[in-house]
Structure formats: structure tokens, C-alpha cells
Amino acid sequence: MNFLHYEVSAQSGDVIQVLLAGNAAYVRLMDDNNFHRYRSGQHFQFYGGYFKQSPAIVNAPSAGRWHVVVDLADQVGRVNAEVRLLRSA
């Protein structure tokens, strides 16, 4: 399984902005438990989705450490990503 992985410490309402270069991609925001399940090939839950245009925007649902995963799922291609955390006012 190929994916890009980033960790962010966010507050509730913060915005995670993911700049994508290359293919459209899935951008998934997950807590520790769901990231472990994702890596193990089990059913997992996430915030985000499939983004055809950059930037991908996902709001942090609560404060904590979050995993940002960028992958192509079953698609062929390449993608690069840059993650930015935008603090809520």
C-alpha cells in the first residue's frame, strides 16, 4: 500500500489544507485508532474524501493529533502533497 503520511496537532475548527501536485487523490484525516486500522487493511473511518482539485480542505473535528493520509486508492499515477495547518480565529 503506497500512501503519503503527515501528522498534525490541531485544535477544533482548525483547517488542514493539502496542496496536491499530480493526480487527483484521496485525502483522509484520521485519529490514531483509524490510522492503525487503515494500515492493517481493516475498515476505518476518516474525514475528507476524493479531491480532483487542489487545495484539499478538511476541518479538524476536535483537538488532538491527527494523521493526514494522501493516497490514490486503485488509481494509477503519482501524487505529491504539502500539508498546511491553518489555525481557526
C-alpha atoms as a PDB file:
ATOM      1  CA  MET A   1       0.000   0.000   0.000  1.00  0.00           C
ATOM      2  CA  ASN A   2       1.502   3.315  -1.101  1.00  0.00           C
ATOM      3  CA  PHE A   3       0.497   6.488   0.656  1.00  0.00           C
ATOM      4  CA  LEU A   4       1.857   9.777   1.930  1.00  0.00           C
ATOM      5  CA  HIS A   5       1.561  10.330   5.675  1.00  0.00           C
ATOM      6  CA  TYR A   6       1.704  13.505   7.738  1.00  0.00           C
ATOM      7  CA  GLU A   7       0.879  14.224  11.379  1.00  0.00           C
ATOM      8  CA  VAL A   8      -0.670  17.449  12.637  1.00  0.00           C
ATOM      9  CA  SER A   9      -1.663  18.673  16.084  1.00  0.00           C
ATOM     10  CA  ALA A  10      -4.869  20.595  15.543  1.00  0.00           C
ATOM     11  CA  GLN A  11      -7.490  22.378  17.581  1.00  0.00           C
ATOM     12  CA  SER A  12     -11.202  22.008  16.924  1.00  0.00           C
ATOM     13  CA  GLY A  13     -12.096  24.106  13.885  1.00  0.00           C
ATOM     14  CA  ASP A  14      -8.562  24.329  12.509  1.00  0.00           C
ATOM     15  CA  VAL A  15      -8.286  23.831   8.763  1.00  0.00           C
ATOM     16  CA  ILE A  16      -5.958  21.278   7.238  1.00  0.00           C
ATOM     17  CA  GLN A  17      -5.059  22.412   3.730  1.00  0.00           C
ATOM     18  CA  VAL A  18      -3.414  19.859   1.444  1.00  0.00           C
ATOM     19  CA  LEU A  19      -1.805  21.116  -1.745  1.00  0.00           C
ATOM     20  CA  LEU A  20      -1.827  18.320  -4.320  1.00  0.00           C
ATOM     21  CA  ALA A  21       0.507  18.038  -7.300  1.00  0.00           C
ATOM     22  CA  GLY A  22      -0.015  15.302  -9.865  1.00  0.00           C
ATOM     23  CA  ASN A  23      -3.120  13.125  -9.866  1.00  0.00           C
ATOM     24  CA  ALA A  24      -6.372  13.684  -8.060  1.00  0.00           C
ATOM     25  CA  ALA A  25      -6.191  11.814  -4.762  1.00  0.00           C
ATOM     26  CA  TYR A  26      -7.906  10.758  -1.587  1.00  0.00           C
ATOM     27  CA  VAL A  27      -7.109  12.988   1.367  1.00  0.00           C
ATOM     28  CA  ARG A  28      -8.048  11.295   4.629  1.00  0.00           C
ATOM     29  CA  LEU A  29      -7.904  12.754   8.131  1.00  0.00           C
ATOM     30  CA  MET A  30      -7.825  10.056  10.819  1.00  0.00           C
ATOM     31  CA  ASP A  31      -7.209   9.615  14.521  1.00  0.00           C
ATOM     32  CA  ASP A  32      -4.622   7.112  15.823  1.00  0.00           C
ATOM     33  CA  ASN A  33      -7.026   4.176  16.012  1.00  0.00           C
ATOM     34  CA  ASN A  34      -8.381   4.615  12.493  1.00  0.00           C
ATOM     35  CA  PHE A  35      -4.896   5.163  11.063  1.00  0.00           C
ATOM     36  CA  HIS A  36      -3.823   1.846  12.583  1.00  0.00           C
ATOM     37  CA  ARG A  37      -6.895   0.176  11.072  1.00  0.00           C
ATOM     38  CA  TYR A  38      -6.149   1.783   7.669  1.00  0.00           C
ATOM     39  CA  ARG A  39      -2.585   0.440   7.717  1.00  0.00           C
ATOM     40  CA  SER A  40      -3.836  -3.004   8.757  1.00  0.00           C
ATOM     41  CA  GLY A  41      -6.324  -3.178   5.880  1.00  0.00           C
ATOM     42  CA  GLN A  42      -9.327  -3.115   8.227  1.00  0.00           C
ATOM     43  CA  HIS A  43     -12.467  -0.995   7.979  1.00  0.00           C
ATOM     44  CA  PHE A  44     -11.705   2.569   9.085  1.00  0.00           C
ATOM     45  CA  GLN A  45     -13.382   5.949   9.317  1.00  0.00           C
ATOM     46  CA  PHE A  46     -11.998   9.271   8.145  1.00  0.00           C
ATOM     47  CA  TYR A  47     -12.785  12.879   7.337  1.00  0.00           C
ATOM     48  CA  GLY A  48     -12.094  14.168   3.851  1.00  0.00           C
ATOM     49  CA  GLY A  49     -12.570  12.325   0.588  1.00  0.00           C
ATOM     50  CA  TYR A  50     -11.573  12.280  -3.050  1.00  0.00           C
ATOM     51  CA  PHE A  51     -10.270  15.603  -4.331  1.00  0.00           C
ATOM     52  CA  LYS A  52      -9.911  16.400  -8.024  1.00  0.00           C
ATOM     53  CA  GLN A  53      -8.653  19.931  -7.426  1.00  0.00           C
ATOM     54  CA  SER A  54      -6.082  21.436  -5.131  1.00  0.00           C
ATOM     55  CA  PRO A  55      -6.112  22.530  -2.407  1.00  0.00           C
ATOM     56  CA  ALA A  56      -7.996  19.877  -0.484  1.00  0.00           C
ATOM     57  CA  ILE A  57      -9.585  21.352   2.632  1.00  0.00           C
ATOM     58  CA  VAL A  58     -10.544  19.303   5.689  1.00  0.00           C
ATOM     59  CA  ASN A  59     -11.649  20.769   9.036  1.00  0.00           C
ATOM     60  CA  ALA A  60     -10.342  19.225  12.243  1.00  0.00           C
ATOM     61  CA  PRO A  61     -13.421  17.920  14.086  1.00  0.00           C
ATOM     62  CA  SER A  62     -11.738  18.108  17.508  1.00  0.00           C
ATOM     63  CA  ALA A  63      -8.452  18.924  19.179  1.00  0.00           C
ATOM     64  CA  GLY A  64      -5.696  16.332  19.082  1.00  0.00           C
ATOM     65  CA  ARG A  65      -3.098  14.603  16.987  1.00  0.00           C
ATOM     66  CA  TRP A  66      -4.362  13.716  13.529  1.00  0.00           C
ATOM     67  CA  HIS A  67      -2.962  11.670  10.672  1.00  0.00           C
ATOM     68  CA  VAL A  68      -3.271  13.088   7.164  1.00  0.00           C
ATOM     69  CA  VAL A  69      -3.054  10.343   4.547  1.00  0.00           C
ATOM     70  CA  VAL A  70      -2.881  11.013   0.813  1.00  0.00           C
ATOM     71  CA  ASP A  71      -3.328   8.033  -1.500  1.00  0.00           C
ATOM     72  CA  LEU A  72      -4.512   7.099  -4.958  1.00  0.00           C
ATOM     73  CA  ALA A  73      -6.513   4.024  -3.858  1.00  0.00           C
ATOM     74  CA  ASP A  74      -6.813   1.887  -7.016  1.00  0.00           C
ATOM     75  CA  GLN A  75      -5.792   4.616  -9.446  1.00  0.00           C
ATOM     76  CA  VAL A  76      -2.579   4.646 -11.438  1.00  0.00           C
ATOM     77  CA  GLY A  77      -0.383   7.710 -11.215  1.00  0.00           C
ATOM     78  CA  ARG A  78       1.652   9.805  -8.835  1.00  0.00           C
ATOM     79  CA  VAL A  79       0.842  12.488  -6.362  1.00  0.00           C
ATOM     80  CA  ASN A  80       2.853  14.792  -4.138  1.00  0.00           C
ATOM     81  CA  ALA A  81       1.392  16.758  -1.294  1.00  0.00           C
ATOM     82  CA  GLU A  82       2.175  19.621   1.040  1.00  0.00           C
ATOM     83  CA  VAL A  83       0.172  19.919   4.258  1.00  0.00           C
ATOM     84  CA  ARG A  84      -0.548  23.250   5.931  1.00  0.00           C
ATOM     85  CA  LEU A  85      -2.343  23.780   9.227  1.00  0.00           C
ATOM     86  CA  LEU A  86      -4.420  26.963   9.289  1.00  0.00           C
ATOM     87  CA  ARG A  87      -5.422  27.923  12.834  1.00  0.00           C
ATOM     88  CA  SER A  88      -9.008  28.999  13.461  1.00  0.00           C
ATOM     89  CA  ALA A  89      -9.541  32.528  14.742  1.00  0.00           C
END
